[in-house]
Amino acid sequence: MDNKISIIKKWLGTGSINIFGLPMSGKDTQGIRLAEALGAKFLSSGLIIRAKEAEVGTDYSSSGTLIPTNVFYEWVLPYFEREDLKPYPLILSSIGRWSGEENEVMSVARKSGHEIKTAILLNISQADAESRFEAAKILGDRGERKDDTNLDIFRVRIEEFKEKTVPVLNYYKSHDLLTIVNGNKSRDGVYEEIIEKLYALASKSLSETQI
């Protein structure tokens, strides 16, 4: 595992990996773990947005819908250019969820030295997402998020993903940048598959540059 992570680090440099998936797919859980392994910084659009909402006294996210694109550009994209993040690779949790945002995200990431090397889809079904939602309510491990306490709002988030984010994933796929991971495994199993698939990408890319 250590050797594979070393190869991934070499390939990634100060680039970034963008993780997508339905609500409850484990984006933040896997993203944080991956960032720790790679010596990267973790950026979650959801965390950034909720912190900014609390700061300025607005509330976009509690309805389950995505924030307007202009607000996303103003609040989230400047993180790519932060001086304290420049030396590090970035692990992103759903940065640019709305179709039409992906070109700007790719451009800003590249110009800031954090080129997006791949987008990972943690693939689970809607039924699995809803099952995890119910389990999380029982466990009470999702904090006080308003959009994680109401099933109707949760389903709005799922529909937003289908309507607005699936086209983003198709964009990454069309540019040969989409990596699909089975999100229905155990947390360790998902993480191991992520490492295996990133290692395969890294090995292929590094071998091609040496030809």
C-alpha atoms as a PDB file:
ATOM      1  CA  MET A   1       0.000   0.000   0.000  1.00  0.00           C
ATOM      2  CA  ASP A   2       2.782   2.481   0.897  1.00  0.00           C
ATOM      3  CA  ASN A   3       4.496   1.965  -2.453  1.00  0.00           C
ATOM      4  CA  LYS A   4       1.232   2.530  -4.314  1.00  0.00           C
ATOM      5  CA  ILE A   5       0.558   5.724  -2.372  1.00  0.00           C
ATOM      6  CA  SER A   6       4.082   6.916  -3.195  1.00  0.00           C
ATOM      7  CA  ILE A   7       3.433   6.381  -6.922  1.00  0.00           C
ATOM      8  CA  ILE A   8       0.092   8.209  -6.663  1.00  0.00           C
ATOM      9  CA  LYS A   9       1.797  11.151  -4.924  1.00  0.00           C
ATOM     10  CA  LYS A  10       4.399  11.376  -7.691  1.00  0.00           C
ATOM     11  CA  TRP A  11       1.695  11.407 -10.363  1.00  0.00           C
ATOM     12  CA  LEU A  12      -0.573  13.841  -8.518  1.00  0.00           C
ATOM     13  CA  GLY A  13       2.027  16.473  -7.632  1.00  0.00           C
ATOM     14  CA  THR A  14       0.060  19.563  -6.570  1.00  0.00           C
ATOM     15  CA  GLY A  15      -2.896  18.491  -8.712  1.00  0.00           C
ATOM     16  CA  SER A  16      -6.340  17.652  -7.424  1.00  0.00           C
ATOM     17  CA  ILE A  17      -8.846  14.799  -7.302  1.00  0.00           C
ATOM     18  CA  ASN A  18     -12.563  15.653  -7.324  1.00  0.00           C
ATOM     19  CA  ILE A  19     -14.875  13.175  -5.545  1.00  0.00           C
ATOM     20  CA  PHE A  20     -18.571  12.945  -6.431  1.00  0.00           C
ATOM     21  CA  GLY A  21     -21.480  10.755  -5.404  1.00  0.00           C
ATOM     22  CA  LEU A  22     -25.047  10.755  -4.171  1.00  0.00           C
ATOM     23  CA  PRO A  23     -25.676  12.102  -0.670  1.00  0.00           C
ATOM     24  CA  MET A  24     -24.458   9.542   1.902  1.00  0.00           C
ATOM     25  CA  SER A  25     -22.034   7.973  -0.596  1.00  0.00           C
ATOM     26  CA  GLY A  26     -19.067   8.755   1.662  1.00  0.00           C
ATOM     27  CA  LYS A  27     -17.431  11.617  -0.229  1.00  0.00           C
ATOM     28  CA  ASP A  28     -16.135  13.446   2.831  1.00  0.00           C
ATOM     29  CA  THR A  29     -15.217  10.259   4.714  1.00  0.00           C
ATOM     30  CA  GLN A  30     -13.140   8.927   1.840  1.00  0.00           C
ATOM     31  CA  GLY A  31     -11.853  12.354   0.838  1.00  0.00           C
ATOM     32  CA  ILE A  32     -10.459  13.117   4.280  1.00  0.00           C
ATOM     33  CA  ARG A  33      -8.815   9.696   4.497  1.00  0.00           C
ATOM     34  CA  LEU A  34      -7.311  10.050   1.035  1.00  0.00           C
ATOM     35  CA  ALA A  35      -6.034  13.549   1.811  1.00  0.00           C
ATOM     36  CA  GLU A  36      -4.300  12.298   4.941  1.00  0.00           C
ATOM     37  CA  ALA A  37      -2.640   9.460   3.015  1.00  0.00           C
ATOM     38  CA  LEU A  38      -1.424  11.733   0.214  1.00  0.00           C
ATOM     39  CA  GLY A  39      -0.370  14.698   2.341  1.00  0.00           C
ATOM     40  CA  ALA A  40      -3.075  16.721   0.584  1.00  0.00           C
ATOM     41  CA  LYS A  41      -5.547  19.364   1.734  1.00  0.00           C
ATOM     42  CA  PHE A  42      -9.231  18.501   1.767  1.00  0.00           C
ATOM     43  CA  LEU A  43     -11.786  20.948   0.350  1.00  0.00           C
ATOM     44  CA  SER A  44     -15.515  20.272   0.570  1.00  0.00           C
ATOM     45  CA  SER A  45     -17.896  22.577  -1.258  1.00  0.00           C
ATOM     46  CA  GLY A  46     -20.595  21.678   1.277  1.00  0.00           C
ATOM     47  CA  LEU A  47     -18.434  22.580   4.266  1.00  0.00           C
ATOM     48  CA  ILE A  48     -17.285  25.827   2.649  1.00  0.00           C
ATOM     49  CA  ILE A  49     -20.851  26.819   1.745  1.00  0.00           C
ATOM     50  CA  ARG A  50     -22.325  26.045   5.175  1.00  0.00           C
ATOM     51  CA  ALA A  51     -19.534  27.978   6.899  1.00  0.00           C
ATOM     52  CA  LYS A  52     -20.093  30.953   4.591  1.00  0.00           C
ATOM     53  CA  GLU A  53     -23.854  30.797   5.132  1.00  0.00           C
ATOM     54  CA  ALA A  54     -23.314  30.997   8.881  1.00  0.00           C
ATOM     55  CA  GLU A  55     -20.899  33.902   8.417  1.00  0.00           C
ATOM     56  CA  VAL A  56     -23.141  36.048   6.222  1.00  0.00           C
ATOM     57  CA  GLY A  57     -26.523  34.925   7.562  1.00  0.00           C
ATOM     58  CA  THR A  58     -27.917  33.372   4.396  1.00  0.00           C
ATOM     59  CA  ASP A  59     -29.403  29.923   3.860  1.00  0.00           C
ATOM     60  CA  TYR A  60     -29.205  28.268   0.461  1.00  0.00           C
ATOM     61  CA  SER A  61     -28.507  24.661   1.378  1.00  0.00           C
ATOM     62  CA  SER A  62     -31.275  23.725   3.818  1.00  0.00           C
ATOM     63  CA  SER A  63     -33.790  23.315   0.975  1.00  0.00           C
ATOM     64  CA  GLY A  64     -31.635  20.643  -0.649  1.00  0.00           C
ATOM     65  CA  THR A  65     -31.068  22.600  -3.868  1.00  0.00           C
ATOM     66  CA  LEU A  66     -27.651  23.623  -5.136  1.00  0.00           C
ATOM     67  CA  ILE A  67     -26.460  27.175  -4.569  1.00  0.00           C
ATOM     68  CA  PRO A  68     -26.562  29.554  -7.563  1.00  0.00           C
ATOM     69  CA  THR A  69     -23.526  29.319  -9.831  1.00  0.00           C
ATOM     70  CA  ASN A  70     -22.491  32.942  -9.258  1.00  0.00           C
ATOM     71  CA  VAL A  71     -22.467  32.342  -5.485  1.00  0.00           C
ATOM     72  CA  PHE A  72     -20.468  29.139  -5.963  1.00  0.00           C
ATOM     73  CA  TYR A  73     -17.888  31.042  -8.003  1.00  0.00           C
ATOM     74  CA  GLU A  74     -17.652  33.786  -5.370  1.00  0.00           C
ATOM     75  CA  TRP A  75     -17.495  31.541  -2.309  1.00  0.00           C
ATOM     76  CA  VAL A  76     -15.727  28.361  -3.370  1.00  0.00           C
ATOM     77  CA  LEU A  77     -13.411  28.923  -6.341  1.00  0.00           C
ATOM     78  CA  PRO A  78     -11.091  31.409  -4.551  1.00  0.00           C
ATOM     79  CA  TYR A  79      -9.880  28.532  -2.368  1.00  0.00           C
ATOM     80  CA  PHE A  80      -7.885  27.183  -5.299  1.00  0.00           C
ATOM     81  CA  GLU A  81      -5.701  30.302  -5.292  1.00  0.00           C
ATOM     82  CA  ARG A  82      -5.028  30.509  -1.560  1.00  0.00           C
ATOM     83  CA  GLU A  83      -1.312  30.896  -0.863  1.00  0.00           C
ATOM     84  CA  ASP A  84      -1.380  28.424   2.028  1.00  0.00           C
ATOM     85  CA  LEU A  85      -2.696  25.705  -0.306  1.00  0.00           C
ATOM     86  CA  LYS A  86      -0.282  26.241  -3.212  1.00  0.00           C
ATOM     87  CA  PRO A  87       2.351  23.674  -2.080  1.00  0.00           C
ATOM     88  CA  TYR A  88      -0.201  20.898  -1.625  1.00  0.00           C
ATOM     89  CA  PRO A  89      -2.312  18.589  -3.749  1.00  0.00           C
ATOM     90  CA  LEU A  90      -6.057  18.950  -3.150  1.00  0.00           C
ATOM     91  CA  ILE A  91      -8.749  16.375  -2.535  1.00  0.00           C
ATOM     92  CA  LEU A  92     -12.055  17.956  -3.491  1.00  0.00           C
ATOM     93  CA  SER A  93     -15.508  16.888  -2.376  1.00  0.00           C
ATOM     94  CA  SER A  94     -17.933  17.744  -5.177  1.00  0.00           C
ATOM     95  CA  ILE A  95     -16.439  21.035  -6.303  1.00  0.00           C
ATOM     96  CA  GLY A  96     -18.623  22.126  -9.226  1.00  0.00           C
ATOM     97  CA  ARG A  97     -21.813  20.083  -8.888  1.00  0.00           C
ATOM     98  CA  TRP A  98     -23.930  22.022 -11.364  1.00  0.00           C
ATOM     99  CA  SER A  99     -23.666  21.340 -15.079  1.00  0.00           C
ATOM    100  CA  GLY A 100     -21.958  24.338 -16.678  1.00  0.00           C
ATOM    101  CA  GLU A 101     -19.596  24.932 -13.746  1.00  0.00           C
ATOM    102  CA  GLU A 102     -17.112  22.252 -14.741  1.00  0.00           C
ATOM    103  CA  ASN A 103     -15.225  24.313 -17.348  1.00  0.00           C
ATOM    104  CA  GLU A 104     -14.611  27.143 -14.893  1.00  0.00           C
ATOM    105  CA  VAL A 105     -13.583  24.711 -12.156  1.00  0.00           C
ATOM    106  CA  MET A 106     -11.127  22.981 -14.504  1.00  0.00           C
ATOM    107  CA  SER A 107      -9.719  26.318 -15.649  1.00  0.00           C
ATOM    108  CA  VAL A 108      -9.279  27.801 -12.175  1.00  0.00           C
ATOM    109  CA  ALA A 109      -7.768  24.562 -10.867  1.00  0.00           C
ATOM    110  CA  ARG A 110      -5.267  24.408 -13.724  1.00  0.00           C
ATOM    111  CA  LYS A 111      -4.249  28.078 -13.483  1.00  0.00           C
ATOM    112  CA  SER A 112      -3.708  27.793  -9.734  1.00  0.00           C
ATOM    113  CA  GLY A 113      -1.399  24.775 -10.119  1.00  0.00           C
ATOM    114  CA  HIS A 114      -4.010  22.265  -8.908  1.00  0.00           C
ATOM    115  CA  GLU A 115      -4.986  20.653 -12.206  1.00  0.00           C
ATOM    116  CA  ILE A 116      -7.777  18.103 -11.792  1.00  0.00           C
ATOM    117  CA  LYS A 117      -6.213  14.732 -12.574  1.00  0.00           C
ATOM    118  CA  THR A 118      -9.377  12.656 -12.172  1.00  0.00           C
ATOM    119  CA  ALA A 119     -12.928  12.788 -10.860  1.00  0.00           C
ATOM    120  CA  ILE A 120     -14.022   9.852  -8.698  1.00  0.00           C
ATOM    121  CA  LEU A 121     -17.648   8.713  -8.590  1.00  0.00           C
ATOM    122  CA  LEU A 122     -18.536   6.771  -5.454  1.00  0.00           C
ATOM    123  CA  ASN A 123     -21.302   4.782  -7.073  1.00  0.00           C
ATOM    124  CA  ILE A 124     -24.317   3.841  -4.911  1.00  0.00           C
ATOM    125  CA  SER A 125     -28.007   3.538  -5.730  1.00  0.00           C
ATOM    126  CA  GLN A 126     -30.781   5.849  -4.543  1.00  0.00           C
ATOM    127  CA  ALA A 127     -32.129   3.007  -2.401  1.00  0.00           C
ATOM    128  CA  ASP A 128     -28.749   2.613  -0.725  1.00  0.00           C
ATOM    129  CA  ALA A 129     -28.490   6.373  -0.187  1.00  0.00           C
ATOM    130  CA  GLU A 130     -31.900   6.464   1.491  1.00  0.00           C
ATOM    131  CA  SER A 131     -31.033   3.437   3.632  1.00  0.00           C
ATOM    132  CA  ARG A 132     -27.883   5.184   4.826  1.00  0.00           C
ATOM    133  CA  PHE A 133     -29.919   8.325   5.477  1.00  0.00           C
ATOM    134  CA  GLU A 134     -32.259   6.416   7.793  1.00  0.00           C
ATOM    135  CA  ALA A 135     -29.348   4.729   9.548  1.00  0.00           C
ATOM    136  CA  ALA A 136     -27.602   8.072  10.055  1.00  0.00           C
ATOM    137  CA  LYS A 137     -30.751   9.518  11.637  1.00  0.00           C
ATOM    138  CA  ILE A 138     -30.787   6.675  14.146  1.00  0.00           C
ATOM    139  CA  LEU A 139     -27.087   7.012  14.877  1.00  0.00           C
ATOM    140  CA  GLY A 140     -27.264  10.815  15.007  1.00  0.00           C
ATOM    141  CA  ASP A 141     -23.822  11.114  13.407  1.00  0.00           C
ATOM    142  CA  ARG A 142     -24.552  13.879  10.875  1.00  0.00           C
ATOM    143  CA  GLY A 143     -24.679  16.813  13.281  1.00  0.00           C
ATOM    144  CA  GLU A 144     -27.370  19.466  12.914  1.00  0.00           C
ATOM    145  CA  ARG A 145     -27.560  19.675   9.128  1.00  0.00           C
ATOM    146  CA  LYS A 146     -31.111  20.651   8.187  1.00  0.00           C
ATOM    147  CA  ASP A 147     -30.839  18.863   4.851  1.00  0.00           C
ATOM    148  CA  ASP A 148     -30.026  15.600   6.636  1.00  0.00           C
ATOM    149  CA  THR A 149     -33.044  15.546   8.939  1.00  0.00           C
ATOM    150  CA  ASN A 150     -35.907  15.504   6.452  1.00  0.00           C
ATOM    151  CA  LEU A 151     -36.360  12.710   3.896  1.00  0.00           C
ATOM    152  CA  ASP A 152     -38.211  14.967   1.447  1.00  0.00           C
ATOM    153  CA  ILE A 153     -35.322  17.446   1.433  1.00  0.00           C
ATOM    154  CA  PHE A 154     -32.867  14.571   1.142  1.00  0.00           C
ATOM    155  CA  ARG A 155     -34.730  13.365  -1.936  1.00  0.00           C
ATOM    156  CA  VAL A 156     -34.505  16.871  -3.411  1.00  0.00           C
ATOM    157  CA  ARG A 157     -30.726  16.568  -3.062  1.00  0.00           C
ATOM    158  CA  ILE A 158     -30.855  13.253  -4.917  1.00  0.00           C
ATOM    159  CA  GLU A 159     -32.907  14.780  -7.750  1.00  0.00           C
ATOM    160  CA  GLU A 160     -30.482  17.720  -7.913  1.00  0.00           C
ATOM    161  CA  PHE A 161     -27.664  15.198  -8.330  1.00  0.00           C
ATOM    162  CA  LYS A 162     -29.471  13.382 -11.133  1.00  0.00           C
ATOM    163  CA  GLU A 163     -30.454  16.548 -12.983  1.00  0.00           C
ATOM    164  CA  LYS A 164     -27.447  18.801 -12.446  1.00  0.00           C
ATOM    165  CA  THR A 165     -24.456  16.674 -11.421  1.00  0.00           C
ATOM    166  CA  VAL A 166     -24.776  13.624 -13.672  1.00  0.00           C
ATOM    167  CA  PRO A 167     -24.054  15.867 -16.722  1.00  0.00           C
ATOM    168  CA  VAL A 168     -20.893  17.042 -14.913  1.00  0.00           C
ATOM    169  CA  LEU A 169     -19.821  13.418 -14.527  1.00  0.00           C
ATOM    170  CA  ASN A 170     -20.526  12.854 -18.223  1.00  0.00           C
ATOM    171  CA  TYR A 171     -18.245  15.811 -18.953  1.00  0.00           C
ATOM    172  CA  TYR A 172     -15.404  14.221 -16.997  1.00  0.00           C
ATOM    173  CA  LYS A 173     -16.092  10.894 -18.692  1.00  0.00           C
ATOM    174  CA  SER A 174     -15.949  12.489 -22.140  1.00  0.00           C
ATOM    175  CA  HIS A 175     -12.499  13.857 -21.231  1.00  0.00           C
ATOM    176  CA  ASP A 176     -11.341  10.432 -19.980  1.00  0.00           C
ATOM    177  CA  LEU A 177     -11.153  11.780 -16.430  1.00  0.00           C
ATOM    178  CA  LEU A 178     -13.865   9.754 -14.661  1.00  0.00           C
ATOM    179  CA  THR A 179     -12.960   6.962 -12.236  1.00  0.00           C
ATOM    180  CA  ILE A 180     -15.915   4.895 -10.978  1.00  0.00           C
ATOM    181  CA  VAL A 181     -15.623   3.199  -7.574  1.00  0.00           C
ATOM    182  CA  ASN A 182     -18.112   0.781  -6.020  1.00  0.00           C
ATOM    183  CA  GLY A 183     -19.418   2.734  -3.026  1.00  0.00           C
ATOM    184  CA  ASN A 184     -21.360  -0.208  -1.569  1.00  0.00           C
ATOM    185  CA  LYS A 185     -18.340  -1.865   0.022  1.00  0.00           C
ATOM    186  CA  SER A 186     -17.164  -1.330   3.586  1.00  0.00           C
ATOM    187  CA  ARG A 187     -15.373   1.953   4.233  1.00  0.00           C
ATOM    188  CA  ASP A 188     -12.038   0.147   4.084  1.00  0.00           C
ATOM    189  CA  GLY A 189     -13.104  -1.690   0.941  1.00  0.00           C
ATOM    190  CA  VAL A 190     -14.057   1.558  -0.809  1.00  0.00           C
ATOM    191  CA  TYR A 191     -10.785   3.186   0.229  1.00  0.00           C
ATOM    192  CA  GLU A 192      -8.756   0.217  -1.033  1.00  0.00           C
ATOM    193  CA  GLU A 193     -10.520   0.343  -4.408  1.00  0.00           C
ATOM    194  CA  ILE A 194      -9.833   4.079  -4.651  1.00  0.00           C
ATOM    195  CA  ILE A 195      -6.129   3.470  -4.022  1.00  0.00           C
ATOM    196  CA  GLU A 196      -6.011   0.614  -6.543  1.00  0.00           C
ATOM    197  CA  LYS A 197      -7.658   2.667  -9.275  1.00  0.00           C
ATOM    198  CA  LEU A 198      -5.563   5.767  -8.600  1.00  0.00           C
ATOM    199  CA  TYR A 199      -2.447   3.603  -8.625  1.00  0.00           C
ATOM    200  CA  ALA A 200      -3.442   2.183 -12.017  1.00  0.00           C
ATOM    201  CA  LEU A 201      -3.955   5.695 -13.376  1.00  0.00           C
ATOM    202  CA  ALA A 202      -0.687   6.922 -11.912  1.00  0.00           C
ATOM    203  CA  SER A 203       1.324   3.963 -13.186  1.00  0.00           C
ATOM    204  CA  LYS A 204      -0.068   4.304 -16.703  1.00  0.00           C
ATOM    205  CA  SER A 205       0.522   8.067 -16.805  1.00  0.00           C
ATOM    206  CA  LEU A 206       4.066   7.871 -15.438  1.00  0.00           C
ATOM    207  CA  SER A 207       5.026   5.042 -17.802  1.00  0.00           C
ATOM    208  CA  GLU A 208       3.750   7.043 -20.790  1.00  0.00           C
ATOM    209  CA  THR A 209       5.820  10.085 -19.819  1.00  0.00           C
ATOM    210  CA  GLN A 210       8.940   7.922 -19.678  1.00  0.00           C
ATOM    211  CA  ILE A 211       8.513   6.493 -23.174  1.00  0.00           C
END
